[in-house]
Amino acid sequence: MWQVVPFQMEQLSDIMCMLKGPKHEKLHYKAEGIVATVTSVNDKKAVDDKNAEERRHNLVMEKEAWKAATTKDSGVADILGTVKEFGKRFGEETKKTVKQGLNKLIDNIDTGEMP
């Protein structure tokens, strides 16, 4: 696929200026169409190139983030491990506290003491 470079676009614009007038009206409109088409193609190519570059960048960043998250000494993995440990310990402590509270309540009921 060919691409029109800026100096060629200027030449087409100059040709369009020369083709003004009733004698060259059809050629003027054709040149206008060519300029519009070329501009559209170049704009689309620029957008596609930008999107492709952003996608490549995002893939690289995701890959680095995944490596960092799965590395043993990474902050994310440590935090996740800490959260899991806290959940286990919190569950055990809660069970222990509830059990102690119930035992104390039962003992108070048995002895007739009410808190």
N, C-alpha and C. Protein backbone atom coordinates (compact mmCIF):
# COMPACT_ATOMS: atom_id res chain seq x y z
N MET A 1 0.84 -1.17 0.00
CA MET A 1 0.00 0.00 0.00
C MET A 1 0.89 1.24 0.00
N TRP A 2 0.56 2.19 -0.80
CA TRP A 2 1.36 3.41 -0.89
C TRP A 2 0.80 4.48 0.04
N GLN A 3 1.67 5.37 0.42
CA GLN A 3 1.25 6.46 1.30
C GLN A 3 1.66 7.78 0.67
N VAL A 4 0.78 8.74 0.71
CA VAL A 4 1.07 10.05 0.16
C VAL A 4 1.83 10.85 1.21
N VAL A 5 2.98 11.37 0.82
CA VAL A 5 3.78 12.16 1.75
C VAL A 5 3.35 13.62 1.64
N PRO A 6 3.67 14.46 2.62
CA PRO A 6 3.14 15.83 2.64
C PRO A 6 3.39 16.64 1.37
N PHE A 7 4.57 16.54 0.76
CA PHE A 7 4.81 17.38 -0.42
C PHE A 7 3.90 16.97 -1.57
N GLN A 8 3.52 15.70 -1.64
CA GLN A 8 2.59 15.28 -2.68
C GLN A 8 1.19 15.84 -2.41
N MET A 9 0.81 15.94 -1.16
CA MET A 9 -0.48 16.53 -0.82
C MET A 9 -0.52 17.99 -1.24
N GLU A 10 0.59 18.70 -1.02
CA GLU A 10 0.65 20.10 -1.43
C GLU A 10 0.53 20.22 -2.94
N GLN A 11 1.17 19.30 -3.65
CA GLN A 11 1.08 19.34 -5.11
C GLN A 11 -0.36 19.13 -5.56
N LEU A 12 -1.07 18.21 -4.93
CA LEU A 12 -2.47 17.99 -5.28
C LEU A 12 -3.30 19.23 -4.99
N SER A 13 -3.00 19.91 -3.88
CA SER A 13 -3.73 21.14 -3.56
C SER A 13 -3.46 22.21 -4.61
N ASP A 14 -2.20 22.30 -5.06
CA ASP A 14 -1.86 23.27 -6.12
C ASP A 14 -2.60 22.94 -7.41
N ILE A 15 -2.67 21.66 -7.74
CA ILE A 15 -3.38 21.25 -8.95
C ILE A 15 -4.85 21.63 -8.83
N MET A 16 -5.42 21.43 -7.65
CA MET A 16 -6.83 21.79 -7.45
C MET A 16 -7.04 23.28 -7.68
N CYS A 17 -6.10 24.11 -7.21
CA CYS A 17 -6.23 25.55 -7.41
C CYS A 17 -6.17 25.90 -8.90
N MET A 18 -5.33 25.20 -9.64
CA MET A 18 -5.21 25.46 -11.08
C MET A 18 -6.46 25.01 -11.83
N LEU A 19 -7.18 24.05 -11.28
CA LEU A 19 -8.33 23.49 -11.98
C LEU A 19 -9.63 24.21 -11.66
N LYS A 20 -9.55 25.38 -11.05
CA LYS A 20 -10.78 26.12 -10.76
C LYS A 20 -11.31 26.74 -12.05
N GLY A 21 -12.58 26.86 -12.10
CA GLY A 21 -13.20 27.47 -13.27
C GLY A 21 -14.12 26.47 -13.96
N PRO A 22 -15.02 26.97 -14.77
CA PRO A 22 -16.01 26.09 -15.40
C PRO A 22 -15.40 25.08 -16.36
N LYS A 23 -14.28 25.44 -16.94
CA LYS A 23 -13.65 24.57 -17.94
C LYS A 23 -13.11 23.29 -17.30
N HIS A 24 -12.61 23.41 -16.11
CA HIS A 24 -11.96 22.26 -15.44
C HIS A 24 -12.74 21.79 -14.22
N GLU A 25 -14.00 22.06 -14.16
CA GLU A 25 -14.81 21.76 -12.97
C GLU A 25 -14.78 20.28 -12.61
N LYS A 26 -14.94 19.40 -13.60
CA LYS A 26 -14.95 17.95 -13.32
C LYS A 26 -13.61 17.49 -12.77
N LEU A 27 -12.52 17.98 -13.36
CA LEU A 27 -11.20 17.60 -12.88
C LEU A 27 -10.96 18.12 -11.46
N HIS A 28 -11.46 19.31 -11.19
CA HIS A 28 -11.32 19.89 -9.85
C HIS A 28 -12.00 18.99 -8.82
N TYR A 29 -13.21 18.54 -9.12
CA TYR A 29 -13.93 17.67 -8.18
C TYR A 29 -13.23 16.32 -8.02
N LYS A 30 -12.66 15.80 -9.09
CA LYS A 30 -11.91 14.53 -8.99
C LYS A 30 -10.68 14.72 -8.12
N ALA A 31 -9.97 15.82 -8.32
CA ALA A 31 -8.78 16.09 -7.51
C ALA A 31 -9.18 16.27 -6.04
N GLU A 32 -10.29 16.94 -5.80
CA GLU A 32 -10.80 17.10 -4.44
C GLU A 32 -11.08 15.74 -3.80
N GLY A 33 -11.68 14.85 -4.57
CA GLY A 33 -11.97 13.50 -4.08
C GLY A 33 -10.71 12.73 -3.76
N ILE A 34 -9.69 12.90 -4.61
CA ILE A 34 -8.42 12.22 -4.38
C ILE A 34 -7.79 12.73 -3.08
N VAL A 35 -7.78 14.04 -2.90
CA VAL A 35 -7.20 14.62 -1.69
C VAL A 35 -7.95 14.12 -0.45
N ALA A 36 -9.27 14.10 -0.52
CA ALA A 36 -10.06 13.63 0.62
C ALA A 36 -9.78 12.17 0.92
N THR A 37 -9.67 11.35 -0.13
CA THR A 37 -9.40 9.92 0.06
C THR A 37 -8.03 9.71 0.67
N VAL A 38 -7.03 10.40 0.13
CA VAL A 38 -5.66 10.25 0.63
C VAL A 38 -5.58 10.72 2.08
N THR A 39 -6.21 11.82 2.39
CA THR A 39 -6.21 12.32 3.76
C THR A 39 -6.87 11.32 4.70
N SER A 40 -7.98 10.75 4.26
CA SER A 40 -8.70 9.77 5.07
C SER A 40 -7.84 8.53 5.31
N VAL A 41 -7.18 8.05 4.26
CA VAL A 41 -6.34 6.86 4.38
C VAL A 41 -5.18 7.13 5.34
N ASN A 42 -4.54 8.28 5.19
CA ASN A 42 -3.42 8.61 6.08
C ASN A 42 -3.86 8.78 7.52
N ASP A 43 -5.02 9.40 7.73
CA ASP A 43 -5.54 9.55 9.09
C ASP A 43 -5.85 8.20 9.71
N LYS A 44 -6.46 7.31 8.94
CA LYS A 44 -6.79 5.97 9.45
C LYS A 44 -5.53 5.20 9.79
N LYS A 45 -4.51 5.32 8.92
CA LYS A 45 -3.25 4.63 9.18
C LYS A 45 -2.60 5.16 10.46
N ALA A 46 -2.66 6.47 10.66
CA ALA A 46 -2.08 7.05 11.88
C ALA A 46 -2.81 6.55 13.12
N VAL A 47 -4.13 6.48 13.06
CA VAL A 47 -4.92 5.98 14.19
C VAL A 47 -4.62 4.51 14.44
N ASP A 48 -4.53 3.72 13.37
CA ASP A 48 -4.23 2.29 13.52
C ASP A 48 -2.84 2.09 14.13
N ASP A 49 -1.86 2.88 13.68
CA ASP A 49 -0.52 2.78 14.23
C ASP A 49 -0.51 3.13 15.72
N LYS A 50 -1.24 4.18 16.08
CA LYS A 50 -1.31 4.59 17.49
C LYS A 50 -1.96 3.50 18.34
N ASN A 51 -3.06 2.93 17.85
CA ASN A 51 -3.75 1.86 18.59
C ASN A 51 -2.86 0.63 18.74
N ALA A 52 -2.13 0.29 17.68
CA ALA A 52 -1.23 -0.87 17.75
C ALA A 52 -0.13 -0.63 18.78
N GLU A 53 0.41 0.58 18.80
CA GLU A 53 1.46 0.90 19.76
C GLU A 53 0.93 0.86 21.19
N GLU A 54 -0.27 1.38 21.41
CA GLU A 54 -0.89 1.33 22.75
C GLU A 54 -1.12 -0.11 23.18
N ARG A 55 -1.56 -0.95 22.26
CA ARG A 55 -1.81 -2.35 22.58
C ARG A 55 -0.51 -3.06 22.96
N ARG A 56 0.56 -2.80 22.17
CA ARG A 56 1.86 -3.40 22.50
C ARG A 56 2.32 -2.94 23.88
N HIS A 57 2.16 -1.66 24.16
CA HIS A 57 2.55 -1.12 25.46
C HIS A 57 1.75 -1.78 26.58
N ASN A 58 0.44 -1.91 26.39
CA ASN A 58 -0.41 -2.52 27.42
C ASN A 58 -0.02 -3.98 27.66
N LEU A 59 0.29 -4.71 26.58
CA LEU A 59 0.69 -6.11 26.75
C LEU A 59 1.99 -6.21 27.54
N VAL A 60 2.94 -5.32 27.24
CA VAL A 60 4.20 -5.33 27.98
C VAL A 60 3.95 -5.01 29.45
N MET A 61 3.12 -4.01 29.73
CA MET A 61 2.84 -3.63 31.11
C MET A 61 2.12 -4.75 31.86
N GLU A 62 1.16 -5.41 31.19
CA GLU A 62 0.45 -6.52 31.83
C GLU A 62 1.41 -7.66 32.15
N LYS A 63 2.33 -7.93 31.23
CA LYS A 63 3.30 -9.00 31.45
C LYS A 63 4.19 -8.67 32.65
N GLU A 64 4.65 -7.43 32.72
CA GLU A 64 5.49 -7.02 33.86
C GLU A 64 4.71 -7.07 35.17
N ALA A 65 3.46 -6.65 35.13
CA ALA A 65 2.63 -6.68 36.34
C ALA A 65 2.41 -8.11 36.79
N TRP A 66 2.19 -9.01 35.85
CA TRP A 66 1.98 -10.42 36.19
C TRP A 66 3.24 -11.00 36.82
N LYS A 67 4.41 -10.68 36.23
CA LYS A 67 5.67 -11.17 36.80
C LYS A 67 5.84 -10.64 38.22
N ALA A 68 5.56 -9.35 38.41
CA ALA A 68 5.73 -8.75 39.73
C ALA A 68 4.76 -9.36 40.74
N ALA A 69 3.55 -9.66 40.30
CA ALA A 69 2.54 -10.20 41.22
C ALA A 69 2.83 -11.64 41.59
N THR A 70 3.46 -12.39 40.71
CA THR A 70 3.70 -13.80 40.98
C THR A 70 5.08 -14.08 41.55
N THR A 71 5.92 -13.06 41.64
CA THR A 71 7.24 -13.23 42.24
C THR A 71 7.06 -13.38 43.75
N LYS A 72 7.84 -14.28 44.35
CA LYS A 72 7.68 -14.58 45.77
C LYS A 72 7.89 -13.34 46.66
N ASP A 73 8.84 -12.51 46.33
CA ASP A 73 9.15 -11.37 47.18
C ASP A 73 8.41 -10.10 46.77
N SER A 74 7.40 -10.23 45.93
CA SER A 74 6.70 -9.02 45.50
C SER A 74 5.76 -8.55 46.59
N GLY A 75 5.47 -7.29 46.61
CA GLY A 75 4.57 -6.73 47.60
C GLY A 75 3.17 -7.28 47.49
N VAL A 76 2.71 -7.50 46.26
CA VAL A 76 1.34 -7.99 46.06
C VAL A 76 1.20 -9.40 46.62
N ALA A 77 2.14 -10.27 46.30
CA ALA A 77 2.06 -11.65 46.79
C ALA A 77 2.15 -11.68 48.31
N ASP A 78 3.02 -10.85 48.87
CA ASP A 78 3.14 -10.79 50.33
C ASP A 78 1.84 -10.31 50.97
N ILE A 79 1.24 -9.30 50.37
CA ILE A 79 -0.02 -8.78 50.91
C ILE A 79 -1.10 -9.84 50.85
N LEU A 80 -1.20 -10.53 49.71
CA LEU A 80 -2.22 -11.58 49.59
C LEU A 80 -1.99 -12.67 50.62
N GLY A 81 -0.73 -13.07 50.81
CA GLY A 81 -0.42 -14.08 51.81
C GLY A 81 -0.77 -13.60 53.20
N THR A 82 -0.47 -12.36 53.51
CA THR A 82 -0.78 -11.79 54.82
C THR A 82 -2.28 -11.75 55.05
N VAL A 83 -3.03 -11.37 54.03
CA VAL A 83 -4.49 -11.32 54.16
C VAL A 83 -5.04 -12.71 54.44
N LYS A 84 -4.53 -13.72 53.74
CA LYS A 84 -5.00 -15.09 53.97
C LYS A 84 -4.68 -15.54 55.40
N GLU A 85 -3.44 -15.27 55.83
CA GLU A 85 -3.06 -15.65 57.19
C GLU A 85 -3.92 -14.92 58.23
N PHE A 86 -4.16 -13.64 58.00
CA PHE A 86 -4.98 -12.86 58.92
C PHE A 86 -6.39 -13.45 58.99
N GLY A 87 -6.93 -13.82 57.83
CA GLY A 87 -8.27 -14.41 57.80
C GLY A 87 -8.32 -15.69 58.61
N LYS A 88 -7.30 -16.54 58.47
CA LYS A 88 -7.27 -17.79 59.23
C LYS A 88 -7.15 -17.51 60.73
N ARG A 89 -6.20 -16.62 61.08
CA ARG A 89 -6.00 -16.31 62.49
C ARG A 89 -7.22 -15.63 63.10
N PHE A 90 -7.81 -14.72 62.34
CA PHE A 90 -8.99 -14.01 62.82
C PHE A 90 -10.12 -15.00 63.06
N GLY A 91 -10.29 -15.95 62.14
CA GLY A 91 -11.33 -16.97 62.31
C GLY A 91 -11.08 -17.81 63.55
N GLU A 92 -9.82 -18.22 63.76
CA GLU A 92 -9.49 -19.02 64.94
C GLU A 92 -9.68 -18.22 66.22
N GLU A 93 -9.22 -16.96 66.22
CA GLU A 93 -9.37 -16.11 67.40
C GLU A 93 -10.84 -15.86 67.71
N THR A 94 -11.63 -15.66 66.69
CA THR A 94 -13.06 -15.42 66.89
C THR A 94 -13.71 -16.64 67.50
N LYS A 95 -13.39 -17.81 66.96
CA LYS A 95 -13.96 -19.05 67.52
C LYS A 95 -13.56 -19.20 68.98
N LYS A 96 -12.27 -18.94 69.24
CA LYS A 96 -11.76 -19.08 70.60
C LYS A 96 -12.47 -18.10 71.55
N THR A 97 -12.63 -16.86 71.12
CA THR A 97 -13.28 -15.83 71.95
C THR A 97 -14.74 -16.18 72.20
N VAL A 98 -15.43 -16.59 71.17
CA VAL A 98 -16.85 -16.95 71.33
C VAL A 98 -16.98 -18.15 72.26
N LYS A 99 -16.11 -19.13 72.09
CA LYS A 99 -16.17 -20.33 72.93
C LYS A 99 -15.90 -19.96 74.39
N GLN A 100 -14.89 -19.11 74.62
CA GLN A 100 -14.59 -18.69 75.99
C GLN A 100 -15.76 -17.91 76.59
N GLY A 101 -16.35 -17.04 75.79
CA GLY A 101 -17.49 -16.25 76.27
C GLY A 101 -18.66 -17.13 76.64
N LEU A 102 -18.95 -18.12 75.80
CA LEU A 102 -20.06 -19.04 76.09
C LEU A 102 -19.77 -19.86 77.34
N ASN A 103 -18.54 -20.36 77.46
CA ASN A 103 -18.17 -21.14 78.66
C ASN A 103 -18.31 -20.29 79.92
N LYS A 104 -17.87 -19.03 79.84
CA LYS A 104 -17.97 -18.15 80.99
C LYS A 104 -19.44 -17.89 81.34
N LEU A 105 -20.28 -17.70 80.33
CA LEU A 105 -21.70 -17.47 80.55
C LEU A 105 -22.35 -18.69 81.19
N ILE A 106 -22.00 -19.87 80.69
CA ILE A 106 -22.55 -21.11 81.26
C ILE A 106 -22.11 -21.27 82.70
N ASP A 107 -20.83 -20.99 82.98
CA ASP A 107 -20.33 -21.08 84.36
C ASP A 107 -21.07 -20.10 85.27
N ASN A 108 -21.31 -18.89 84.78
CA ASN A 108 -22.04 -17.89 85.58
C ASN A 108 -23.47 -18.34 85.85
N ILE A 109 -24.09 -18.93 84.86
CA ILE A 109 -25.46 -19.43 85.05
C ILE A 109 -25.46 -20.56 86.07
N ASP A 110 -24.47 -21.45 85.96
CA ASP A 110 -24.39 -22.58 86.89
C ASP A 110 -24.15 -22.11 88.33
N THR A 111 -23.33 -21.11 88.50
CA THR A 111 -23.03 -20.63 89.86
C THR A 111 -24.05 -19.62 90.34
N GLY A 112 -24.90 -19.14 89.45
CA GLY A 112 -25.93 -18.19 89.84
C GLY A 112 -25.46 -16.75 89.75
N GLU A 113 -24.27 -16.53 89.29
CA GLU A 113 -23.78 -15.16 89.13
C GLU A 113 -24.16 -14.64 87.75
N MET A 114 -24.70 -13.46 87.71
CA MET A 114 -25.03 -12.86 86.42
C MET A 114 -24.14 -11.64 86.24
N PRO A 115 -23.56 -11.48 85.08
CA PRO A 115 -22.64 -10.33 84.89
C PRO A 115 -23.37 -9.02 84.81
